[in-house]
Amino acid sequence: MIRYSIIIPHFDSLDTLPRAIESVPERKDIEILVIDNSATHIAANLFAQRSNVHIHYSPYGKGAGAARNVGLQHARGQWLLMLDADDFFTPNAFDAMDKYANSNADIVFFCATSCDSDTMATADRMSDTNQLVNNYMRTNEETGLRYGWCSPCAKMIKHSMVEAHAIRFEETQVANDVLFSAQIGHRAKQIAATKEIIYCATVRQGSLTLTPTLNHLNERIAVFGRFNQYLSSQGIRAPRKSIMYYVYTIARNYGYGKAINALLTSMKSGNNPFYGITRWVNTVRNTR
C-alpha cells in the first residue's frame, strides 16, 4: 500500500528539483509524482536511480494547477502531500507525519519554516500560516485553519476525501491553490494540527510571489472573488479575502486607470470590494 503520494509540479527548476526529491526518503510506501510542464520536457528517466520517482507531463503554459491535477489523476496514496519544486521537506518530516498516518482526520496541518533558496539564510515567509496553527492549538477554533491557510503545502490531505468530492486545483497562472484549500477545508469532517515543522518554503528572486505583473494581479483579484463567492454559497462564516491590496499594487505600479478597471471588473463579477476594510490602513502602511 502507498501511504504518501508526493505531488511536485515542475517548471524549469532543474537547479532545485533534485533537492526537493532528495528530501523525500526512498520508501516503498511513498511515491513521488513529478509533473513537468516545461516547454522542453525533462527526461522520463531523469531520476532512474530512485525507485519511487515517477515523471508525468502536463501541457506547457497551463501552470502548476494543471500539473497538480495530473498528479491527482495518478496518485495512489492514502495521503496527498504537495511539494513545490524549489521547496523541500525538513529532515524529520516523515517521522512527524508517520505519527498521523492512521489518523481519522481528513487534513493534518503542520508548521513550516522558510529560507533563501540560494543562501539558505532564514526567511520569514511562513510566519502567518504557523500562527494559524498556534491559534488553533491554543483555542481549538478551526475556522482559521480551514479557510485561512490557502496553500496545500505542509498538510497531509486524505486522498479519499479529495476524490469523494472531486476537488481539483484551478488551472490559473497564479493562486491555483486558493479555492482548492477552501474546498478541502470545508469538506474535511475532522482536522488535526501539530507544531512540528515538516516543510521549508524557499524565497527566490523572480518567483511569482515576488513578481507582480498586471495579468497576475488581475488573476489574483479574480481568484479571491471566487473564494469569497464560494464561502457565501456554502454559508461559511469565515473572513473573506480583500482584493484591495492588489488593486493598490496595480495603482502604484500600473496607474490608477488600470486599478479602477480591475476594481470595476471585480464588482461586476459579484465581489464585494469592501471586505477587509478595517485592515486597509495597515496594509497601506506596510507597503510603503
C-alpha atoms as a PDB file:
ATOM      1  CA  MET A   1       0.000   0.000   0.000  1.00  0.00           C
ATOM      2  CA  ILE A   2       1.174   3.505  -0.842  1.00  0.00           C
ATOM      3  CA  ARG A   3       0.884   5.708   2.228  1.00  0.00           C
ATOM      4  CA  TYR A   4       2.028   9.053   0.798  1.00  0.00           C
ATOM      5  CA  SER A   5       1.733  10.496  -2.697  1.00  0.00           C
ATOM      6  CA  ILE A   6       4.091  13.475  -3.082  1.00  0.00           C
ATOM      7  CA  ILE A   7       2.979  15.701  -5.986  1.00  0.00           C
ATOM      8  CA  ILE A   8       5.627  18.087  -7.360  1.00  0.00           C
ATOM      9  CA  PRO A   9       4.696  20.460 -10.200  1.00  0.00           C
ATOM     10  CA  HIS A  10       7.833  21.299 -12.157  1.00  0.00           C
ATOM     11  CA  PHE A  11       8.579  24.196 -14.491  1.00  0.00           C
ATOM     12  CA  ASP A  12      12.217  24.913 -15.413  1.00  0.00           C
ATOM     13  CA  SER A  13      13.502  24.272 -11.874  1.00  0.00           C
ATOM     14  CA  LEU A  14      16.158  21.659 -12.534  1.00  0.00           C
ATOM     15  CA  ASP A  15      18.519  23.515 -10.233  1.00  0.00           C
ATOM     16  CA  THR A  16      16.268  22.846  -7.223  1.00  0.00           C
ATOM     17  CA  LEU A  17      14.171  19.800  -8.194  1.00  0.00           C
ATOM     18  CA  PRO A  18      16.863  17.265  -7.109  1.00  0.00           C
ATOM     19  CA  ARG A  19      16.962  18.926  -3.682  1.00  0.00           C
ATOM     20  CA  ALA A  20      13.204  18.580  -3.335  1.00  0.00           C
ATOM     21  CA  ILE A  21      13.310  14.903  -4.283  1.00  0.00           C
ATOM     22  CA  GLU A  22      16.263  14.166  -2.011  1.00  0.00           C
ATOM     23  CA  SER A  23      14.234  15.482   0.931  1.00  0.00           C
ATOM     24  CA  VAL A  24      11.817  12.558   0.480  1.00  0.00           C
ATOM     25  CA  PRO A  25      13.015   9.167   1.764  1.00  0.00           C
ATOM     26  CA  GLU A  26      13.131   6.207  -0.595  1.00  0.00           C
ATOM     27  CA  ARG A  27      10.465   4.023   0.973  1.00  0.00           C
ATOM     28  CA  LYS A  28       8.087   1.511  -0.560  1.00  0.00           C
ATOM     29  CA  ASP A  29       5.084   3.301   0.955  1.00  0.00           C
ATOM     30  CA  ILE A  30       5.985   6.654  -0.669  1.00  0.00           C
ATOM     31  CA  GLU A  31       5.568   7.645  -4.315  1.00  0.00           C
ATOM     32  CA  ILE A  32       6.916  10.879  -5.786  1.00  0.00           C
ATOM     33  CA  LEU A  33       4.980  12.213  -8.760  1.00  0.00           C
ATOM     34  CA  VAL A  34       6.878  14.889 -10.687  1.00  0.00           C
ATOM     35  CA  ILE A  35       4.554  16.627 -13.145  1.00  0.00           C
ATOM     36  CA  ASP A  36       6.614  18.541 -15.693  1.00  0.00           C
ATOM     37  CA  ASN A  37       5.056  21.400 -17.669  1.00  0.00           C
ATOM     38  CA  SER A  38       8.251  22.932 -19.027  1.00  0.00           C
ATOM     39  CA  ALA A  39       8.499  23.964 -22.671  1.00  0.00           C
ATOM     40  CA  THR A  40      11.156  21.281 -23.095  1.00  0.00           C
ATOM     41  CA  HIS A  41      10.154  18.222 -21.110  1.00  0.00           C
ATOM     42  CA  ILE A  42      12.574  16.656 -18.685  1.00  0.00           C
ATOM     43  CA  ALA A  43      13.543  13.065 -19.432  1.00  0.00           C
ATOM     44  CA  ALA A  44      11.246  10.353 -18.122  1.00  0.00           C
ATOM     45  CA  ASN A  45      14.271   8.521 -16.670  1.00  0.00           C
ATOM     46  CA  LEU A  46      15.871  11.606 -15.087  1.00  0.00           C
ATOM     47  CA  PHE A  47      15.677  10.080 -11.608  1.00  0.00           C
ATOM     48  CA  ALA A  48      16.045   6.454 -12.625  1.00  0.00           C
ATOM     49  CA  GLN A  49      18.253   5.833  -9.591  1.00  0.00           C
ATOM     50  CA  ARG A  50      15.191   6.353  -7.390  1.00  0.00           C
ATOM     51  CA  SER A  51      12.660   3.537  -7.422  1.00  0.00           C
ATOM     52  CA  ASN A  52       9.802   5.693  -6.139  1.00  0.00           C
ATOM     53  CA  VAL A  53      10.029   8.680  -8.530  1.00  0.00           C
ATOM     54  CA  HIS A  54       7.567   8.789 -11.442  1.00  0.00           C
ATOM     55  CA  ILE A  55       7.627  11.557 -14.040  1.00  0.00           C
ATOM     56  CA  HIS A  56       4.457  12.652 -15.838  1.00  0.00           C
ATOM     57  CA  TYR A  57       3.673  15.628 -18.047  1.00  0.00           C
ATOM     58  CA  SER A  58       1.070  18.365 -18.307  1.00  0.00           C
ATOM     59  CA  PRO A  59       0.582  20.891 -21.122  1.00  0.00           C
ATOM     60  CA  TYR A  60       3.110  23.704 -21.321  1.00  0.00           C
ATOM     61  CA  GLY A  61       1.738  27.035 -20.171  1.00  0.00           C
ATOM     62  CA  LYS A  62      -1.155  25.616 -18.143  1.00  0.00           C
ATOM     63  CA  GLY A  63       0.570  26.296 -14.827  1.00  0.00           C
ATOM     64  CA  ALA A  64       1.058  24.477 -11.531  1.00  0.00           C
ATOM     65  CA  GLY A  65      -2.663  23.904 -11.006  1.00  0.00           C
ATOM     66  CA  ALA A  66      -2.935  21.822 -14.166  1.00  0.00           C
ATOM     67  CA  ALA A  67       0.224  19.929 -13.200  1.00  0.00           C
ATOM     68  CA  ARG A  68      -1.153  19.176  -9.745  1.00  0.00           C
ATOM     69  CA  ASN A  69      -4.379  17.908 -11.305  1.00  0.00           C
ATOM     70  CA  VAL A  70      -2.377  15.476 -13.438  1.00  0.00           C
ATOM     71  CA  GLY A  71      -0.694  14.352 -10.223  1.00  0.00           C
ATOM     72  CA  LEU A  72      -4.094  13.734  -8.643  1.00  0.00           C
ATOM     73  CA  GLN A  73      -5.021  11.524 -11.596  1.00  0.00           C
ATOM     74  CA  HIS A  74      -2.007   9.293 -10.967  1.00  0.00           C
ATOM     75  CA  ALA A  75      -1.826   9.362  -7.163  1.00  0.00           C
ATOM     76  CA  ARG A  76      -2.342   6.068  -5.334  1.00  0.00           C
ATOM     77  CA  GLY A  77      -1.514   7.069  -1.779  1.00  0.00           C
ATOM     78  CA  GLN A  78      -3.719   7.231   1.285  1.00  0.00           C
ATOM     79  CA  TRP A  79      -2.430  10.754   1.907  1.00  0.00           C
ATOM     80  CA  LEU A  80      -1.657  13.544  -0.561  1.00  0.00           C
ATOM     81  CA  LEU A  81       1.297  15.870   0.035  1.00  0.00           C
ATOM     82  CA  MET A  82       2.095  18.865  -2.151  1.00  0.00           C
ATOM     83  CA  LEU A  83       5.709  19.920  -2.630  1.00  0.00           C
ATOM     84  CA  ASP A  84       6.886  22.797  -4.815  1.00  0.00           C
ATOM     85  CA  ALA A  85       9.990  22.096  -6.883  1.00  0.00           C
ATOM     86  CA  ASP A  86      12.001  24.840  -5.164  1.00  0.00           C
ATOM     87  CA  ASP A  87      10.969  23.808  -1.627  1.00  0.00           C
ATOM     88  CA  PHE A  88      11.866  20.745   0.432  1.00  0.00           C
ATOM     89  CA  PHE A  89      10.838  18.666   3.435  1.00  0.00           C
ATOM     90  CA  THR A  90      12.715  19.002   6.710  1.00  0.00           C
ATOM     91  CA  PRO A  91      14.939  16.086   7.862  1.00  0.00           C
ATOM     92  CA  ASN A  92      12.405  14.770  10.411  1.00  0.00           C
ATOM     93  CA  ALA A  93       9.302  15.460   8.324  1.00  0.00           C
ATOM     94  CA  PHE A  94       8.290  11.889   7.651  1.00  0.00           C
ATOM     95  CA  ASP A  95       8.874  10.815  11.254  1.00  0.00           C
ATOM     96  CA  ALA A  96       6.396  13.532  12.205  1.00  0.00           C
ATOM     97  CA  MET A  97       3.915  12.535   9.517  1.00  0.00           C
ATOM     98  CA  ASP A  98       4.115   8.841  10.358  1.00  0.00           C
ATOM     99  CA  LYS A  99       2.583   9.666  13.744  1.00  0.00           C
ATOM    100  CA  TYR A 100      -0.597  10.689  11.907  1.00  0.00           C
ATOM    101  CA  ALA A 101      -0.632   8.024   9.205  1.00  0.00           C
ATOM    102  CA  ASN A 102      -3.616   6.274  10.809  1.00  0.00           C
ATOM    103  CA  SER A 103      -5.392   9.467  11.863  1.00  0.00           C
ATOM    104  CA  ASN A 104      -9.139   9.812  11.374  1.00  0.00           C
ATOM    105  CA  ALA A 105      -8.581  13.423  10.346  1.00  0.00           C
ATOM    106  CA  ASP A 106      -9.092  14.412   6.716  1.00  0.00           C
ATOM    107  CA  ILE A 107      -6.407  17.108   6.965  1.00  0.00           C
ATOM    108  CA  VAL A 108      -3.407  17.268   9.291  1.00  0.00           C
ATOM    109  CA  PHE A 109      -1.804  20.716   9.465  1.00  0.00           C
ATOM    110  CA  PHE A 110       1.890  21.101  10.291  1.00  0.00           C
ATOM    111  CA  CYS A 111       4.180  24.080  10.709  1.00  0.00           C
ATOM    112  CA  ALA A 112       6.793  25.222   8.210  1.00  0.00           C
ATOM    113  CA  THR A 113       9.984  27.186   8.055  1.00  0.00           C
ATOM    114  CA  SER A 114      11.477  29.228   5.208  1.00  0.00           C
ATOM    115  CA  CYS A 115      14.831  30.247   3.795  1.00  0.00           C
ATOM    116  CA  ASP A 116      16.527  31.877   0.833  1.00  0.00           C
ATOM    117  CA  SER A 117      16.785  29.235  -1.895  1.00  0.00           C
ATOM    118  CA  ASP A 118      20.374  30.108  -2.774  1.00  0.00           C
ATOM    119  CA  THR A 119      21.985  31.106   0.515  1.00  0.00           C
ATOM    120  CA  MET A 120      19.799  29.095   2.932  1.00  0.00           C
ATOM    121  CA  ALA A 121      19.549  32.221   5.087  1.00  0.00           C
ATOM    122  CA  THR A 122      16.457  32.188   7.291  1.00  0.00           C
ATOM    123  CA  ALA A 123      13.408  33.952   5.844  1.00  0.00           C
ATOM    124  CA  ASP A 124      10.002  34.833   7.276  1.00  0.00           C
ATOM    125  CA  ARG A 125       7.640  33.541   4.615  1.00  0.00           C
ATOM    126  CA  MET A 126       5.600  31.101   6.742  1.00  0.00           C
ATOM    127  CA  SER A 127       5.021  33.056   9.954  1.00  0.00           C
ATOM    128  CA  ASP A 128       1.362  33.842   9.192  1.00  0.00           C
ATOM    129  CA  THR A 129       0.413  30.227   8.476  1.00  0.00           C
ATOM    130  CA  ASN A 130       2.302  28.985  11.521  1.00  0.00           C
ATOM    131  CA  GLN A 131       0.303  31.456  13.588  1.00  0.00           C
ATOM    132  CA  LEU A 132      -2.887  29.778  12.383  1.00  0.00           C
ATOM    133  CA  VAL A 133      -1.638  26.507  13.863  1.00  0.00           C
ATOM    134  CA  ASN A 134      -0.677  28.242  17.098  1.00  0.00           C
ATOM    135  CA  ASN A 135      -4.113  29.849  17.359  1.00  0.00           C
ATOM    136  CA  TYR A 136      -5.833  26.519  16.790  1.00  0.00           C
ATOM    137  CA  MET A 137      -3.667  24.762  19.355  1.00  0.00           C
ATOM    138  CA  ARG A 138      -4.496  27.489  21.874  1.00  0.00           C
ATOM    139  CA  THR A 139      -8.233  27.937  21.242  1.00  0.00           C
ATOM    140  CA  ASN A 140      -9.366  24.815  19.325  1.00  0.00           C
ATOM    141  CA  GLU A 141     -11.166  27.174  16.909  1.00  0.00           C
ATOM    142  CA  GLU A 142     -10.968  25.645  13.433  1.00  0.00           C
ATOM    143  CA  THR A 143     -12.051  28.434  11.066  1.00  0.00           C
ATOM    144  CA  GLY A 144      -8.610  29.943  10.635  1.00  0.00           C
ATOM    145  CA  LEU A 145      -7.007  26.650   9.664  1.00  0.00           C
ATOM    146  CA  ARG A 146      -9.849  25.504   7.445  1.00  0.00           C
ATOM    147  CA  TYR A 147     -10.152  28.710   5.418  1.00  0.00           C
ATOM    148  CA  GLY A 148      -7.188  30.928   6.234  1.00  0.00           C
ATOM    149  CA  TRP A 149      -4.378  28.636   5.057  1.00  0.00           C
ATOM    150  CA  CYS A 150      -4.556  28.929   1.274  1.00  0.00           C
ATOM    151  CA  SER A 151      -1.559  26.777   0.391  1.00  0.00           C
ATOM    152  CA  PRO A 152      -1.853  22.968   0.185  1.00  0.00           C
ATOM    153  CA  CYS A 153       1.728  22.560   1.416  1.00  0.00           C
ATOM    154  CA  ALA A 154       2.667  21.417   4.944  1.00  0.00           C
ATOM    155  CA  LYS A 155      -0.603  19.471   5.070  1.00  0.00           C
ATOM    156  CA  MET A 156      -1.436  15.786   4.967  1.00  0.00           C
ATOM    157  CA  ILE A 157      -4.617  15.610   2.894  1.00  0.00           C
ATOM    158  CA  LYS A 158      -6.782  12.471   2.886  1.00  0.00           C
ATOM    159  CA  HIS A 159      -6.915  11.255  -0.699  1.00  0.00           C
ATOM    160  CA  SER A 160     -10.328   9.636  -0.330  1.00  0.00           C
ATOM    161  CA  MET A 161     -11.889  12.967   0.700  1.00  0.00           C
ATOM    162  CA  VAL A 162     -10.491  14.760  -2.342  1.00  0.00           C
ATOM    163  CA  GLU A 163     -11.795  12.074  -4.691  1.00  0.00           C
ATOM    164  CA  ALA A 164     -15.187  11.769  -2.969  1.00  0.00           C
ATOM    165  CA  HIS A 165     -15.869  15.450  -3.667  1.00  0.00           C
ATOM    166  CA  ALA A 166     -13.969  15.676  -6.986  1.00  0.00           C
ATOM    167  CA  ILE A 167     -11.869  18.564  -5.685  1.00  0.00           C
ATOM    168  CA  ARG A 168      -9.309  19.907  -8.120  1.00  0.00           C
ATOM    169  CA  PHE A 169      -6.954  22.865  -8.461  1.00  0.00           C
ATOM    170  CA  GLU A 170      -7.873  25.837 -10.590  1.00  0.00           C
ATOM    171  CA  GLU A 171      -5.803  25.954 -13.768  1.00  0.00           C
ATOM    172  CA  THR A 172      -4.722  29.561 -13.334  1.00  0.00           C
ATOM    173  CA  GLN A 173      -1.243  31.033 -13.654  1.00  0.00           C
ATOM    174  CA  VAL A 174      -1.274  32.198 -10.023  1.00  0.00           C
ATOM    175  CA  ALA A 175      -3.167  31.323  -6.838  1.00  0.00           C
ATOM    176  CA  ASN A 176      -4.300  27.979  -8.248  1.00  0.00           C
ATOM    177  CA  ASP A 177      -4.494  26.567  -4.732  1.00  0.00           C
ATOM    178  CA  VAL A 178      -6.770  29.127  -3.022  1.00  0.00           C
ATOM    179  CA  LEU A 179     -10.111  27.564  -3.919  1.00  0.00           C
ATOM    180  CA  PHE A 180      -8.734  24.025  -3.566  1.00  0.00           C
ATOM    181  CA  SER A 181      -7.685  24.802   0.014  1.00  0.00           C
ATOM    182  CA  ALA A 182     -11.064  26.318   0.816  1.00  0.00           C
ATOM    183  CA  GLN A 183     -12.864  23.273  -0.550  1.00  0.00           C
ATOM    184  CA  ILE A 184     -10.833  20.713   1.359  1.00  0.00           C
ATOM    185  CA  GLY A 185     -11.166  22.877   4.464  1.00  0.00           C
ATOM    186  CA  HIS A 186     -14.932  22.824   4.070  1.00  0.00           C
ATOM    187  CA  ARG A 187     -15.235  19.128   3.225  1.00  0.00           C
ATOM    188  CA  ALA A 188     -12.942  17.811   5.958  1.00  0.00           C
ATOM    189  CA  LYS A 189     -15.075  16.125   8.613  1.00  0.00           C
ATOM    190  CA  GLN A 190     -12.225  16.278  11.092  1.00  0.00           C
ATOM    191  CA  ILE A 191      -8.909  18.119  11.208  1.00  0.00           C
ATOM    192  CA  ALA A 192      -5.776  17.838  13.332  1.00  0.00           C
ATOM    193  CA  ALA A 193      -2.737  20.048  13.813  1.00  0.00           C
ATOM    194  CA  THR A 194       0.725  19.953  15.334  1.00  0.00           C
ATOM    195  CA  LYS A 195       3.520  22.463  15.781  1.00  0.00           C
ATOM    196  CA  GLU A 196       6.049  20.029  14.317  1.00  0.00           C
ATOM    197  CA  ILE A 197       7.873  21.552  11.315  1.00  0.00           C
ATOM    198  CA  ILE A 198       7.856  19.407   8.165  1.00  0.00           C
ATOM    199  CA  TYR A 199       8.258  21.858   5.284  1.00  0.00           C
ATOM    200  CA  CYS A 200      10.725  24.526   4.169  1.00  0.00           C
ATOM    201  CA  ALA A 201       9.389  27.132   1.734  1.00  0.00           C
ATOM    202  CA  THR A 202      12.132  28.968  -0.109  1.00  0.00           C
ATOM    203  CA  VAL A 203      12.279  32.528  -1.385  1.00  0.00           C
ATOM    204  CA  ARG A 204      13.621  33.041  -4.904  1.00  0.00           C
ATOM    205  CA  GLN A 205      14.172  36.201  -6.894  1.00  0.00           C
ATOM    206  CA  GLY A 206      11.802  36.196  -9.863  1.00  0.00           C
ATOM    207  CA  SER A 207       9.209  33.910  -8.280  1.00  0.00           C
ATOM    208  CA  LEU A 208       5.517  34.578  -8.909  1.00  0.00           C
ATOM    209  CA  THR A 209       5.050  35.858  -5.363  1.00  0.00           C
ATOM    210  CA  LEU A 210       7.776  38.471  -5.917  1.00  0.00           C
ATOM    211  CA  THR A 211       6.907  39.465  -9.482  1.00  0.00           C
ATOM    212  CA  PRO A 212       3.529  41.260  -9.593  1.00  0.00           C
ATOM    213  CA  THR A 213       2.747  41.525 -13.319  1.00  0.00           C
ATOM    214  CA  LEU A 214      -0.542  43.191 -14.231  1.00  0.00           C
ATOM    215  CA  ASN A 215      -2.019  39.916 -15.517  1.00  0.00           C
ATOM    216  CA  HIS A 216      -1.045  38.099 -12.350  1.00  0.00           C
ATOM    217  CA  LEU A 217      -2.500  40.821 -10.142  1.00  0.00           C
ATOM    218  CA  ASN A 218      -5.789  40.771 -12.043  1.00  0.00           C
ATOM    219  CA  GLU A 219      -5.892  36.996 -11.856  1.00  0.00           C
ATOM    220  CA  ARG A 220      -5.369  37.056  -8.081  1.00  0.00           C
ATOM    221  CA  ILE A 221      -8.264  39.505  -7.773  1.00  0.00           C
ATOM    222  CA  ALA A 222     -10.466  37.119  -9.767  1.00  0.00           C
ATOM    223  CA  VAL A 223      -9.395  34.118  -7.680  1.00  0.00           C
ATOM    224  CA  PHE A 224     -10.104  35.951  -4.423  1.00  0.00           C
ATOM    225  CA  GLY A 225     -13.526  36.878  -5.781  1.00  0.00           C
ATOM    226  CA  ARG A 226     -14.300  33.213  -6.454  1.00  0.00           C
ATOM    227  CA  PHE A 227     -13.032  32.309  -2.980  1.00  0.00           C
ATOM    228  CA  ASN A 228     -15.390  34.828  -1.385  1.00  0.00           C
ATOM    229  CA  GLN A 229     -18.292  33.634  -3.508  1.00  0.00           C
ATOM    230  CA  TYR A 230     -17.592  30.018  -2.562  1.00  0.00           C
ATOM    231  CA  LEU A 231     -17.737  30.832   1.141  1.00  0.00           C
ATOM    232  CA  SER A 232     -21.016  32.647   0.630  1.00  0.00           C
ATOM    233  CA  SER A 233     -22.528  29.842  -1.465  1.00  0.00           C
ATOM    234  CA  GLN A 234     -21.718  27.307   1.269  1.00  0.00           C
ATOM    235  CA  GLY A 235     -22.920  29.521   4.112  1.00  0.00           C
ATOM    236  CA  ILE A 236     -19.445  29.553   5.650  1.00  0.00           C
ATOM    237  CA  ARG A 237     -18.840  32.169   8.329  1.00  0.00           C
ATOM    238  CA  ALA A 238     -15.173  32.886   7.800  1.00  0.00           C
ATOM    239  CA  PRO A 239     -13.239  36.055   6.937  1.00  0.00           C
ATOM    240  CA  ARG A 240     -13.450  36.977   3.272  1.00  0.00           C
ATOM    241  CA  LYS A 241     -10.370  37.991   1.317  1.00  0.00           C
ATOM    242  CA  SER A 242      -9.815  41.617   0.482  1.00  0.00           C
ATOM    243  CA  ILE A 243      -8.797  42.451  -3.077  1.00  0.00           C
ATOM    244  CA  MET A 244      -7.690  45.970  -2.240  1.00  0.00           C
ATOM    245  CA  TYR A 245      -4.014  45.146  -1.691  1.00  0.00           C
ATOM    246  CA  TYR A 246      -3.854  44.016  -5.320  1.00  0.00           C
ATOM    247  CA  VAL A 247      -5.885  46.998  -6.534  1.00  0.00           C
ATOM    248  CA  TYR A 248      -3.492  49.267  -4.634  1.00  0.00           C
ATOM    249  CA  THR A 249      -0.476  47.474  -6.130  1.00  0.00           C
ATOM    250  CA  ILE A 250      -1.910  47.907  -9.633  1.00  0.00           C
ATOM    251  CA  ALA A 251      -2.435  51.632  -8.970  1.00  0.00           C
ATOM    252  CA  ARG A 252       1.110  52.032  -7.683  1.00  0.00           C
ATOM    253  CA  ASN A 253       2.805  50.069 -10.484  1.00  0.00           C
ATOM    254  CA  TYR A 254       0.487  50.484 -13.473  1.00  0.00           C
ATOM    255  CA  GLY A 255      -1.611  53.593 -12.839  1.00  0.00           C
ATOM    256  CA  TYR A 256      -4.994  54.480 -11.434  1.00  0.00           C
ATOM    257  CA  GLY A 257      -6.834  53.718 -14.668  1.00  0.00           C
ATOM    258  CA  LYS A 258      -5.792  50.059 -14.584  1.00  0.00           C
ATOM    259  CA  ALA A 259      -6.647  49.905 -10.873  1.00  0.00           C
ATOM    260  CA  ILE A 260     -10.152  51.311 -11.383  1.00  0.00           C
ATOM    261  CA  ASN A 261     -10.734  48.882 -14.234  1.00  0.00           C
ATOM    262  CA  ALA A 262      -9.666  45.949 -12.033  1.00  0.00           C
ATOM    263  CA  LEU A 263     -11.968  47.126  -9.245  1.00  0.00           C
ATOM    264  CA  LEU A 264     -14.974  47.550 -11.539  1.00  0.00           C
ATOM    265  CA  THR A 265     -14.381  44.167 -13.184  1.00  0.00           C
ATOM    266  CA  SER A 266     -14.326  42.509  -9.772  1.00  0.00           C
ATOM    267  CA  MET A 267     -17.513  44.269  -8.700  1.00  0.00           C
ATOM    268  CA  LYS A 268     -19.291  43.244 -11.920  1.00  0.00           C
ATOM    269  CA  SER A 269     -18.460  39.609 -11.154  1.00  0.00           C
ATOM    270  CA  GLY A 270     -20.241  39.952  -7.798  1.00  0.00           C
ATOM    271  CA  ASN A 271     -17.337  40.572  -5.453  1.00  0.00           C
ATOM    272  CA  ASN A 272     -17.728  42.999  -2.565  1.00  0.00           C
ATOM    273  CA  PRO A 273     -14.699  45.337  -2.658  1.00  0.00           C
ATOM    274  CA  PHE A 274     -15.175  46.387   0.960  1.00  0.00           C
ATOM    275  CA  TYR A 275     -14.194  43.051   2.502  1.00  0.00           C
ATOM    276  CA  GLY A 276     -11.361  43.636   4.953  1.00  0.00           C
ATOM    277  CA  ILE A 277     -11.864  47.392   5.074  1.00  0.00           C
ATOM    278  CA  THR A 278     -10.654  47.554   8.687  1.00  0.00           C
ATOM    279  CA  ARG A 279      -7.232  46.295   7.582  1.00  0.00           C
ATOM    280  CA  TRP A 280      -6.698  48.710   4.693  1.00  0.00           C
ATOM    281  CA  VAL A 281      -4.857  51.368   6.664  1.00  0.00           C
ATOM    282  CA  ASN A 282      -2.316  48.855   7.992  1.00  0.00           C
ATOM    283  CA  THR A 283      -1.892  47.371   4.529  1.00  0.00           C
ATOM    284  CA  VAL A 284      -1.066  50.757   3.012  1.00  0.00           C
ATOM    285  CA  ARG A 285       1.405  51.459   5.806  1.00  0.00           C
ATOM    286  CA  ASN A 286       3.126  48.095   5.332  1.00  0.00           C
ATOM    287  CA  THR A 287       3.504  48.533   1.582  1.00  0.00           C
ATOM    288  CA  ARG A 288       5.193  51.951   1.752  1.00  0.00           C
END
